[in-house]
PDB file of N, CA and C in Angstrom:
ATOM      1  N   UNK A   1      10.322 -15.701  12.490  1.00  0.00           N
ATOM      2  CA  UNK A   1       9.931 -15.470  11.135  1.00  0.00           C
ATOM      3  C   UNK A   1       8.379 -15.476  11.032  1.00  0.00           C
ATOM      4  N   UNK A   2       7.733 -15.942  12.246  1.00  0.00           N
ATOM      5  CA  UNK A   2       6.275 -15.782  11.806  1.00  0.00           C
ATOM      6  C   UNK A   2       5.654 -14.482  11.935  1.00  0.00           C
ATOM      7  N   UNK A   3       6.381 -13.512  12.414  1.00  0.00           N
ATOM      8  CA  UNK A   3       6.007 -12.113  12.377  1.00  0.00           C
ATOM      9  C   UNK A   3       6.299 -11.570  11.119  1.00  0.00           C
ATOM     10  N   UNK A   4       7.100 -12.038  10.346  1.00  0.00           N
ATOM     11  CA  UNK A   4       7.607 -11.724   8.951  1.00  0.00           C
ATOM     12  C   UNK A   4       6.496 -12.139   7.980  1.00  0.00           C
ATOM     13  N   UNK A   5       5.879 -13.264   8.097  1.00  0.00           N
ATOM     14  CA  UNK A   5       4.753 -13.942   7.327  1.00  0.00           C
ATOM     15  C   UNK A   5       3.659 -12.741   7.709  1.00  0.00           C
ATOM     16  N   UNK A   6       3.394 -12.695   9.055  1.00  0.00           N
ATOM     17  CA  UNK A   6       2.313 -11.933   9.263  1.00  0.00           C
ATOM     18  C   UNK A   6       2.328 -10.452   8.746  1.00  0.00           C
ATOM     19  N   UNK A   7       3.519  -9.812   8.664  1.00  0.00           N
ATOM     20  CA  UNK A   7       3.572  -8.541   8.038  1.00  0.00           C
ATOM     21  C   UNK A   7       3.434  -8.705   6.395  1.00  0.00           C
ATOM     22  N   UNK A   8       3.883  -9.825   6.018  1.00  0.00           N
ATOM     23  CA  UNK A   8       3.541  -9.878   4.469  1.00  0.00           C
ATOM     24  C   UNK A   8       2.257 -10.023   4.435  1.00  0.00           C
ATOM     25  N   UNK A   9       1.368 -10.821   4.977  1.00  0.00           N
ATOM     26  CA  UNK A   9       0.124 -10.855   4.834  1.00  0.00           C
ATOM     27  C   UNK A   9      -0.747  -9.800   4.927  1.00  0.00           C
ATOM     28  N   UNK A  10      -0.483  -8.962   5.746  1.00  0.00           N
ATOM     29  CA  UNK A  10      -1.148  -7.678   6.211  1.00  0.00           C
ATOM     30  C   UNK A  10      -0.766  -6.865   5.053  1.00  0.00           C
ATOM     31  N   UNK A  11       0.404  -6.684   4.574  1.00  0.00           N
ATOM     32  CA  UNK A  11       0.768  -5.837   3.515  1.00  0.00           C
ATOM     33  C   UNK A  11       0.013  -6.189   2.293  1.00  0.00           C
ATOM     34  N   UNK A  12      -0.087  -7.578   1.906  1.00  0.00           N
ATOM     35  CA  UNK A  12      -0.753  -8.000   0.783  1.00  0.00           C
ATOM     36  C   UNK A  12      -2.260  -7.843   0.891  1.00  0.00           C
ATOM     37  N   UNK A  13      -2.804  -7.961   2.037  1.00  0.00           N
ATOM     38  CA  UNK A  13      -4.161  -7.744   2.173  1.00  0.00           C
ATOM     39  C   UNK A  13      -4.535  -6.349   2.081  1.00  0.00           C
ATOM     40  N   UNK A  14      -3.864  -5.527   2.473  1.00  0.00           N
ATOM     41  CA  UNK A  14      -3.875  -3.977   2.337  1.00  0.00           C
ATOM     42  C   UNK A  14      -3.813  -3.714   0.878  1.00  0.00           C
ATOM     43  N   UNK A  15      -2.910  -4.338   0.170  1.00  0.00           N
ATOM     44  CA  UNK A  15      -2.497  -4.068  -1.373  1.00  0.00           C
ATOM     45  C   UNK A  15      -3.570  -4.593  -2.022  1.00  0.00           C
ATOM     46  N   UNK A  16      -4.346  -5.552  -1.830  1.00  0.00           N
ATOM     47  CA  UNK A  16      -5.216  -6.080  -2.785  1.00  0.00           C
ATOM     48  C   UNK A  16      -6.247  -5.052  -2.762  1.00  0.00           C
ATOM     49  N   UNK A  17      -6.976  -4.538  -1.747  1.00  0.00           N
ATOM     50  CA  UNK A  17      -7.780  -3.547  -1.891  1.00  0.00           C
ATOM     51  C   UNK A  17      -7.211  -2.202  -2.685  1.00  0.00           C
ATOM     52  N   UNK A  18      -6.094  -1.788  -2.748  1.00  0.00           N
ATOM     53  CA  UNK A  18      -5.642  -0.617  -3.513  1.00  0.00           C
ATOM     54  C   UNK A  18      -5.590  -1.015  -4.830  1.00  0.00           C
ATOM     55  N   UNK A  19      -5.091  -2.338  -5.173  1.00  0.00           N
ATOM     56  CA  UNK A  19      -4.992  -2.599  -6.623  1.00  0.00           C
ATOM     57  C   UNK A  19      -6.491  -2.923  -7.264  1.00  0.00           C
ATOM     58  N   UNK A  20      -7.367  -3.573  -6.326  1.00  0.00           N
ATOM     59  CA  UNK A  20      -8.779  -3.754  -6.848  1.00  0.00           C
ATOM     60  C   UNK A  20      -9.319  -2.343  -7.221  1.00  0.00           C
ATOM     61  N   UNK A  21      -9.132  -1.259  -6.472  1.00  0.00           N
ATOM     62  CA  UNK A  21      -9.742   0.014  -6.751  1.00  0.00           C
ATOM     63  C   UNK A  21      -8.939   0.695  -7.889  1.00  0.00           C
ATOM     64  N   UNK A  22      -7.621   0.215  -8.098  1.00  0.00           N
ATOM     65  CA  UNK A  22      -7.080   0.736  -9.329  1.00  0.00           C
ATOM     66  C   UNK A  22      -7.834   0.170 -10.609  1.00  0.00           C
ATOM     67  N   UNK A  23      -8.122  -1.004 -10.527  1.00  0.00           N
ATOM     68  CA  UNK A  23      -8.756  -1.931 -11.686  1.00  0.00           C
ATOM     69  C   UNK A  23     -10.260  -1.422 -11.855  1.00  0.00           C
ATOM     70  N   UNK A  24     -10.844  -1.083 -10.746  1.00  0.00           N
ATOM     71  CA  UNK A  24     -12.173  -0.413 -10.954  1.00  0.00           C
ATOM     72  C   UNK A  24     -12.206   0.831 -11.693  1.00  0.00           C
ATOM     73  N   UNK A  25     -10.937   1.676 -11.609  1.00  0.00           N
ATOM     74  CA  UNK A  25     -10.953   2.789 -12.235  1.00  0.00           C
ATOM     75  C   UNK A  25     -10.384   2.455 -13.674  1.00  0.00           C
ATOM     76  N   UNK A  26      -9.471   1.643 -13.893  1.00  0.00           N
ATOM     77  CA  UNK A  26      -8.921   1.413 -15.249  1.00  0.00           C
ATOM     78  C   UNK A  26      -8.889  -0.093 -15.308  1.00  0.00           C
ATOM     79  N   UNK A  27      -9.562  -0.992 -15.801  1.00  0.00           N
ATOM     80  CA  UNK A  27      -9.471  -2.204 -15.782  1.00  0.00           C
ATOM     81  C   UNK A  27      -8.481  -2.923 -16.776  1.00  0.00           C
ATOM     82  N   UNK A  28      -8.078  -2.142 -17.739  1.00  0.00           N
ATOM     83  CA  UNK A  28      -6.781  -2.256 -18.441  1.00  0.00           C
ATOM     84  C   UNK A  28      -5.470  -2.233 -17.683  1.00  0.00           C
ATOM     85  N   UNK A  29      -5.317  -1.597 -16.555  1.00  0.00           N
ATOM     86  CA  UNK A  29      -4.173  -1.378 -15.886  1.00  0.00           C
ATOM     87  C   UNK A  29      -3.445  -2.552 -15.591  1.00  0.00           C
ATOM     88  N   UNK A  30      -2.409  -3.066 -16.480  1.00  0.00           N
ATOM     89  CA  UNK A  30      -1.978  -4.336 -16.328  1.00  0.00           C
ATOM     90  C   UNK A  30      -1.082  -4.469 -15.028  1.00  0.00           C
ATOM     91  N   UNK A  31      -0.343  -3.239 -14.746  1.00  0.00           N
ATOM     92  CA  UNK A  31       0.421  -3.273 -13.620  1.00  0.00           C
ATOM     93  C   UNK A  31      -0.166  -3.570 -12.315  1.00  0.00           C
ATOM     94  N   UNK A  32      -1.234  -2.945 -12.178  1.00  0.00           N
ATOM     95  CA  UNK A  32      -2.078  -3.275 -10.894  1.00  0.00           C
ATOM     96  C   UNK A  32      -2.749  -4.594 -11.178  1.00  0.00           C
ATOM     97  N   UNK A  33      -3.018  -5.207 -12.129  1.00  0.00           N
ATOM     98  CA  UNK A  33      -3.574  -6.604 -12.288  1.00  0.00           C
ATOM     99  C   UNK A  33      -2.603  -7.437 -11.907  1.00  0.00           C
ATOM    100  N   UNK A  34      -1.227  -7.125 -12.349  1.00  0.00           N
ATOM    101  CA  UNK A  34      -0.090  -8.193 -12.194  1.00  0.00           C
ATOM    102  C   UNK A  34       0.206  -8.123 -10.705  1.00  0.00           C
ATOM    103  N   UNK A  35       0.306  -7.048  -9.828  1.00  0.00           N
ATOM    104  CA  UNK A  35       0.329  -6.803  -8.440  1.00  0.00           C
ATOM    105  C   UNK A  35      -0.626  -7.467  -7.697  1.00  0.00           C
ATOM    106  N   UNK A  36      -1.823  -7.396  -8.186  1.00  0.00           N
ATOM    107  CA  UNK A  36      -2.864  -8.073  -7.570  1.00  0.00           C
ATOM    108  C   UNK A  36      -2.700  -9.505  -7.723  1.00  0.00           C
ATOM    109  N   UNK A  37      -2.370  -9.948  -8.697  1.00  0.00           N
ATOM    110  CA  UNK A  37      -1.828 -11.297  -8.743  1.00  0.00           C
ATOM    111  C   UNK A  37      -1.155 -11.785  -7.810  1.00  0.00           C
ATOM    112  N   UNK A  38       0.144 -11.005  -7.738  1.00  0.00           N
ATOM    113  CA  UNK A  38       1.246 -11.469  -6.758  1.00  0.00           C
ATOM    114  C   UNK A  38       0.632 -11.210  -5.263  1.00  0.00           C
ATOM    115  N   UNK A  39       0.021 -10.479  -5.009  1.00  0.00           N
ATOM    116  CA  UNK A  39      -0.633 -10.304  -3.774  1.00  0.00           C
ATOM    117  C   UNK A  39      -1.498 -11.532  -3.434  1.00  0.00           C
ATOM    118  N   UNK A  40      -2.416 -11.880  -4.192  1.00  0.00           N
ATOM    119  CA  UNK A  40      -3.213 -12.966  -3.888  1.00  0.00           C
ATOM    120  C   UNK A  40      -2.343 -14.431  -3.997  1.00  0.00           C
ATOM    121  N   UNK A  41      -1.350 -14.419  -4.598  1.00  0.00           N
ATOM    122  CA  UNK A  41      -0.191 -15.695  -4.425  1.00  0.00           C
ATOM    123  C   UNK A  41       0.016 -15.423  -3.141  1.00  0.00           C
ATOM    124  N   UNK A  42       0.542 -14.456  -2.657  1.00  0.00           N
ATOM    125  CA  UNK A  42       1.059 -14.481  -1.270  1.00  0.00           C
ATOM    126  C   UNK A  42       0.139 -14.725  -0.140  1.00  0.00           C
ATOM    127  N   UNK A  43      -1.244 -14.336  -0.447  1.00  0.00           N
ATOM    128  CA  UNK A  43      -2.366 -14.811   0.519  1.00  0.00           C
ATOM    129  C   UNK A  43      -2.999 -16.126   0.260  1.00  0.00           C
ATOM    130  N   UNK A  44      -2.237 -17.000  -0.711  1.00  0.00           N
ATOM    131  CA  UNK A  44      -2.507 -18.307  -1.005  1.00  0.00           C
ATOM    132  C   UNK A  44      -3.898 -18.559  -1.687  1.00  0.00           C
ATOM    133  N   UNK A  45      -4.029 -17.254  -2.360  1.00  0.00           N
ATOM    134  CA  UNK A  45      -5.400 -17.410  -3.025  1.00  0.00           C
ATOM    135  C   UNK A  45      -4.959 -17.702  -4.744  1.00  0.00           C
ATOM    136  N   UNK A  46      -4.720 -18.904  -4.587  1.00  0.00           N
ATOM    137  CA  UNK A  46      -4.053 -19.303  -6.015  1.00  0.00           C
ATOM    138  C   UNK A  46      -5.057 -19.282  -7.545  1.00  0.00           C
ATOM    139  N   UNK A  47      -6.328 -19.638  -7.023  1.00  0.00           N
ATOM    140  CA  UNK A  47      -7.188 -19.578  -8.527  1.00  0.00           C
ATOM    141  C   UNK A  47      -7.448 -18.123  -8.862  1.00  0.00           C
ATOM    142  N   UNK A  48      -7.371 -17.233  -7.711  1.00  0.00           N
ATOM    143  CA  UNK A  48      -7.653 -15.920  -8.107  1.00  0.00           C
ATOM    144  C   UNK A  48      -6.273 -15.123  -8.813  1.00  0.00           C
ATOM    145  N   UNK A  49      -5.188 -15.718  -8.450  1.00  0.00           N
ATOM    146  CA  UNK A  49      -4.146 -15.193  -8.771  1.00  0.00           C
ATOM    147  C   UNK A  49      -3.776 -15.740 -10.194  1.00  0.00           C
ATOM    148  N   UNK A  50      -4.207 -16.923 -10.509  1.00  0.00           N
ATOM    149  CA  UNK A  50      -4.115 -17.592 -11.999  1.00  0.00           C
ATOM    150  C   UNK A  50      -4.755 -16.651 -12.781  1.00  0.00           C
ATOM    151  N   UNK A  51      -6.177 -16.456 -12.391  1.00  0.00           N
ATOM    152  CA  UNK A  51      -7.082 -15.519 -13.156  1.00  0.00           C
ATOM    153  C   UNK A  51      -6.544 -14.321 -13.597  1.00  0.00           C
ATOM    154  N   UNK A  52      -5.912 -13.705 -12.932  1.00  0.00           N
ATOM    155  CA  UNK A  52      -5.503 -12.484 -12.820  1.00  0.00           C
ATOM    156  C   UNK A  52      -4.146 -12.318 -13.941  1.00  0.00           C
ATOM    157  N   UNK A  53      -3.245 -13.440 -13.613  1.00  0.00           N
ATOM    158  CA  UNK A  53      -2.254 -13.695 -14.412  1.00  0.00           C
ATOM    159  C   UNK A  53      -2.693 -13.823 -15.827  1.00  0.00           C
ATOM    160  N   UNK A  54      -3.736 -14.589 -16.206  1.00  0.00           N
ATOM    161  CA  UNK A  54      -4.015 -14.883 -17.497  1.00  0.00           C
ATOM    162  C   UNK A  54      -4.867 -13.625 -18.252  1.00  0.00           C
ATOM    163  N   UNK A  55      -5.541 -12.670 -17.420  1.00  0.00           N
ATOM    164  CA  UNK A  55      -6.120 -11.598 -17.840  1.00  0.00           C
ATOM    165  C   UNK A  55      -4.814 -10.696 -18.374  1.00  0.00           C
ATOM    166  N   UNK A  56      -3.662 -10.701 -17.705  1.00  0.00           N
ATOM    167  CA  UNK A  56      -2.421  -9.992 -17.853  1.00  0.00           C
ATOM    168  C   UNK A  56      -2.000 -10.416 -19.217  1.00  0.00           C
ATOM    169  N   UNK A  57      -2.013 -11.631 -19.399  1.00  0.00           N
ATOM    170  CA  UNK A  57      -1.293 -12.389 -20.786  1.00  0.00           C
ATOM    171  C   UNK A  57      -2.212 -11.851 -21.837  1.00  0.00           C
ATOM    172  N   UNK A  58      -3.518 -11.712 -21.695  1.00  0.00           N
ATOM    173  CA  UNK A  58      -4.501 -11.328 -22.792  1.00  0.00           C
ATOM    174  C   UNK A  58      -4.044 -10.134 -23.307  1.00  0.00           C
ATOM    175  N   UNK A  59      -3.275  -9.025 -22.503  1.00  0.00           N
ATOM    176  CA  UNK A  59      -2.785  -7.816 -22.756  1.00  0.00           C
ATOM    177  C   UNK A  59      -1.419  -7.775 -23.209  1.00  0.00           C
ATOM    178  N   UNK A  60      -0.672  -8.753 -22.538  1.00  0.00           N
ATOM    179  CA  UNK A  60       0.876  -8.661 -22.714  1.00  0.00           C
ATOM    180  C   UNK A  60       1.151 -10.250 -22.662  1.00  0.00           C
ATOM    181  N   UNK A  61       1.129 -10.932 -24.048  1.00  0.00           N
ATOM    182  CA  UNK A  61       1.281 -12.298 -24.147  1.00  0.00           C
ATOM    183  C   UNK A  61       2.672 -12.614 -23.999  1.00  0.00           C
ATOM    184  N   UNK A  62       3.525 -11.650 -24.374  1.00  0.00           N
ATOM    185  CA  UNK A  62       5.073 -11.925 -24.200  1.00  0.00           C
ATOM    186  C   UNK A  62       5.813 -11.650 -23.023  1.00  0.00           C
ATOM    187  N   UNK A  63       5.022 -11.051 -22.016  1.00  0.00           N
ATOM    188  CA  UNK A  63       5.484 -10.837 -20.725  1.00  0.00           C
ATOM    189  C   UNK A  63       6.204 -12.113 -19.979  1.00  0.00           C
ATOM    190  N   UNK A  64       7.350 -12.178 -19.870  1.00  0.00           N
ATOM    191  CA  UNK A  64       8.141 -13.164 -19.198  1.00  0.00           C
ATOM    192  C   UNK A  64       7.697 -13.364 -17.736  1.00  0.00           C
ATOM    193  N   UNK A  65       7.720 -12.156 -17.173  1.00  0.00           N
ATOM    194  CA  UNK A  65       7.437 -11.956 -15.722  1.00  0.00           C
ATOM    195  C   UNK A  65       5.839 -12.717 -15.445  1.00  0.00           C
ATOM    196  N   UNK A  66       4.901 -12.552 -16.366  1.00  0.00           N
ATOM    197  CA  UNK A  66       3.684 -12.693 -15.934  1.00  0.00           C
ATOM    198  C   UNK A  66       3.563 -14.460 -16.377  1.00  0.00           C
ATOM    199  N   UNK A  67       4.456 -15.004 -17.109  1.00  0.00           N
ATOM    200  CA  UNK A  67       4.280 -16.274 -17.465  1.00  0.00           C
ATOM    201  C   UNK A  67       5.167 -16.996 -16.153  1.00  0.00           C
ATOM    202  N   UNK A  68       6.096 -16.496 -15.617  1.00  0.00           N
ATOM    203  CA  UNK A  68       6.656 -17.019 -14.533  1.00  0.00           C
ATOM    204  C   UNK A  68       5.927 -17.032 -13.187  1.00  0.00           C
ATOM    205  N   UNK A  69       5.012 -15.978 -13.048  1.00  0.00           N
ATOM    206  CA  UNK A  69       4.277 -15.846 -12.178  1.00  0.00           C
ATOM    207  C   UNK A  69       2.998 -16.812 -12.265  1.00  0.00           C
ATOM    208  N   UNK A  70       2.608 -16.868 -13.448  1.00  0.00           N
ATOM    209  CA  UNK A  70       1.353 -17.997 -13.758  1.00  0.00           C
ATOM    210  C   UNK A  70       1.976 -19.431 -13.288  1.00  0.00           C
ATOM    211  N   UNK A  71       3.132 -19.777 -13.703  1.00  0.00           N
ATOM    212  CA  UNK A  71       3.901 -21.030 -13.381  1.00  0.00           C
ATOM    213  C   UNK A  71       3.958 -21.208 -11.904  1.00  0.00           C
ATOM    214  N   UNK A  72       4.362 -20.342 -11.170  1.00  0.00           N
ATOM    215  CA  UNK A  72       4.204 -20.447  -9.767  1.00  0.00           C
ATOM    216  C   UNK A  72       3.054 -20.463  -9.085  1.00  0.00           C
ATOM    217  N   UNK A  73       1.771 -19.906  -9.602  1.00  0.00           N
ATOM    218  CA  UNK A  73       0.592 -19.887  -9.215  1.00  0.00           C
ATOM    219  C   UNK A  73      -0.084 -21.412  -9.314  1.00  0.00           C
ATOM    220  N   UNK A  74       0.405 -22.046 -10.508  1.00  0.00           N
ATOM    221  CA  UNK A  74      -0.118 -23.295 -10.845  1.00  0.00           C
ATOM    222  C   UNK A  74       0.596 -24.380 -10.144  1.00  0.00           C
ATOM    223  N   UNK A  75       1.999 -24.129 -10.012  1.00  0.00           N
ATOM    224  CA  UNK A  75       2.567 -25.115  -9.188  1.00  0.00           C
ATOM    225  C   UNK A  75       2.139 -25.090  -7.801  1.00  0.00           C
ATOM    226  N   UNK A  76       2.095 -23.904  -7.131  1.00  0.00           N
ATOM    227  CA  UNK A  76       1.817 -23.870  -5.738  1.00  0.00           C
ATOM    228  C   UNK A  76       0.178 -24.308  -5.582  1.00  0.00           C
ATOM    229  N   UNK A  77      -0.725 -24.376  -6.516  1.00  0.00           N
ATOM    230  CA  UNK A  77      -2.164 -24.708  -6.377  1.00  0.00           C
ATOM    231  C   UNK A  77      -2.050 -26.326  -6.800  1.00  0.00           C
ATOM    232  N   UNK A  78      -0.845 -26.671  -7.044  1.00  0.00           N
ATOM    233  CA  UNK A  78      -0.865 -28.314  -7.541  1.00  0.00           C
ATOM    234  C   UNK A  78      -1.389 -28.505  -8.855  1.00  0.00           C
ATOM    235  N   UNK A  79      -1.673 -27.583  -9.832  1.00  0.00           N
ATOM    236  CA  UNK A  79      -2.247 -27.835 -11.197  1.00  0.00           C
ATOM    237  C   UNK A  79      -1.156 -28.163 -12.104  1.00  0.00           C
ATOM    238  N   UNK A  80      -0.598 -29.304 -11.763  1.00  0.00           N
ATOM    239  CA  UNK A  80       0.765 -29.440 -12.723  1.00  0.00           C
ATOM    240  C   UNK A  80       0.410 -29.782 -14.127  1.00  0.00           C
ATOM    241  N   UNK A  81      -0.770 -30.377 -14.319  1.00  0.00           N
ATOM    242  CA  UNK A  81      -1.331 -30.674 -15.625  1.00  0.00           C
ATOM    243  C   UNK A  81      -1.314 -29.450 -16.484  1.00  0.00           C
ATOM    244  N   UNK A  82      -1.523 -28.358 -15.907  1.00  0.00           N
ATOM    245  CA  UNK A  82      -1.669 -27.021 -16.642  1.00  0.00           C
ATOM    246  C   UNK A  82      -0.251 -26.477 -16.949  1.00  0.00           C
ATOM    247  N   UNK A  83       0.660 -27.051 -16.495  1.00  0.00           N
ATOM    248  CA  UNK A  83       2.180 -26.616 -16.787  1.00  0.00           C
ATOM    249  C   UNK A  83       2.598 -26.606 -18.286  1.00  0.00           C
ATOM    250  N   UNK A  84       1.980 -27.858 -18.943  1.00  0.00           N
ATOM    251  CA  UNK A  84       2.453 -28.187 -20.419  1.00  0.00           C
ATOM    252  C   UNK A  84       1.924 -27.208 -21.195  1.00  0.00           C
ATOM    253  N   UNK A  85       0.571 -26.255 -20.646  1.00  0.00           N
ATOM    254  CA  UNK A  85       0.049 -25.166 -21.611  1.00  0.00           C
ATOM    255  C   UNK A  85       1.226 -23.855 -21.188  1.00  0.00           C
ATOM    256  N   UNK A  86       1.543 -23.662 -20.222  1.00  0.00           N
ATOM    257  CA  UNK A  86       2.629 -22.665 -19.844  1.00  0.00           C
ATOM    258  C   UNK A  86       3.858 -22.947 -20.806  1.00  0.00           C
ATOM    259  N   UNK A  87       4.269 -24.164 -20.780  1.00  0.00           N
ATOM    260  CA  UNK A  87       5.670 -24.351 -21.605  1.00  0.00           C
ATOM    261  C   UNK A  87       5.478 -24.111 -22.968  1.00  0.00           C
ATOM    262  N   UNK A  88       4.029 -24.400 -23.526  1.00  0.00           N
ATOM    263  CA  UNK A  88       4.007 -24.276 -24.899  1.00  0.00           C
ATOM    264  C   UNK A  88       3.180 -22.699 -25.091  1.00  0.00           C
ATOM    265  N   UNK A  89       3.085 -21.835 -23.987  1.00  0.00           N
ATOM    266  CA  UNK A  89       2.577 -20.757 -24.276  1.00  0.00           C
ATOM    267  C   UNK A  89       1.221 -20.958 -24.917  1.00  0.00           C
ATOM    268  N   UNK A  90       0.464 -21.810 -24.317  1.00  0.00           N
ATOM    269  CA  UNK A  90      -1.044 -22.013 -25.069  1.00  0.00           C
ATOM    270  C   UNK A  90      -1.827 -21.367 -24.084  1.00  0.00           C
ATOM    271  N   UNK A  91      -2.026 -20.003 -24.751  1.00  0.00           N
ATOM    272  CA  UNK A  91      -3.147 -19.352 -23.790  1.00  0.00           C
ATOM    273  C   UNK A  91      -4.489 -19.798 -24.067  1.00  0.00           C
ATOM    274  N   UNK A  92      -4.823 -20.145 -25.132  1.00  0.00           N
ATOM    275  CA  UNK A  92      -6.255 -20.575 -25.459  1.00  0.00           C
ATOM    276  C   UNK A  92      -6.612 -21.916 -24.518  1.00  0.00           C
ATOM    277  N   UNK A  93      -5.713 -22.787 -24.378  1.00  0.00           N
ATOM    278  CA  UNK A  93      -6.297 -23.635 -23.662  1.00  0.00           C
ATOM    279  C   UNK A  93      -6.495 -23.392 -21.999  1.00  0.00           C
ATOM    280  N   UNK A  94      -5.543 -22.504 -21.585  1.00  0.00           N
ATOM    281  CA  UNK A  94      -5.571 -21.888 -20.251  1.00  0.00           C
ATOM    282  C   UNK A  94      -6.907 -21.211 -20.091  1.00  0.00           C
ATOM    283  N   UNK A  95      -7.190 -20.159 -21.135  1.00  0.00           N
ATOM    284  CA  UNK A  95      -8.264 -19.321 -21.155  1.00  0.00           C
ATOM    285  C   UNK A  95      -9.610 -20.306 -21.071  1.00  0.00           C
ATOM    286  N   UNK A  96      -9.690 -21.407 -21.886  1.00  0.00           N
ATOM    287  CA  UNK A  96     -10.745 -22.499 -21.810  1.00  0.00           C
ATOM    288  C   UNK A  96     -10.826 -22.958 -20.273  1.00  0.00           C
ATOM    289  N   UNK A  97      -9.564 -23.500 -19.772  1.00  0.00           N
ATOM    290  CA  UNK A  97      -9.786 -24.221 -18.536  1.00  0.00           C
ATOM    291  C   UNK A  97      -9.934 -23.420 -17.441  1.00  0.00           C
ATOM    292  N   UNK A  98      -9.946 -22.036 -17.487  1.00  0.00           N
ATOM    293  CA  UNK A  98     -10.247 -20.961 -16.380  1.00  0.00           C
ATOM    294  C   UNK A  98     -11.327 -20.157 -16.676  1.00  0.00           C
ATOM    295  N   UNK A  99     -12.125 -20.412 -17.912  1.00  0.00           N
ATOM    296  CA  UNK A  99     -12.996 -19.667 -18.309  1.00  0.00           C
ATOM    297  C   UNK A  99     -12.803 -18.229 -18.268  1.00  0.00           C
ATOM    298  N   UNK A 100     -11.667 -17.713 -18.962  1.00  0.00           N
ATOM    299  CA  UNK A 100     -11.285 -16.582 -19.428  1.00  0.00           C
ATOM    300  C   UNK A 100     -11.709 -16.179 -20.952  1.00  0.00           C
ATOM    301  N   UNK A 101     -12.468 -15.255 -21.149  1.00  0.00           N
ATOM    302  CA  UNK A 101     -12.764 -14.927 -22.500  1.00  0.00           C
ATOM    303  C   UNK A 101     -12.206 -13.552 -23.219  1.00  0.00           C
TER     304      UNK A 101
END
């Protein structure tokens, strides 16, 4: 199974570069940002993942998939106190806590 983990890490690392390039060309490309958030999550880059999920939610606040990804990133990073804001869909509190404007 460790080879599977290694393969996932390599794919995630390669993917992050492609998603970052896509965002350089089109910063509002929500799908690329969401995919980058997932790739960061797979690489244990929880803070960056959380920030990307929050930017996605600025553009698509009703996206259940993004909220679920954010919940997972917060849980894995052990930011349990932030989960109440996810439950309440309190973006302003999350934006303040993660310095997203």
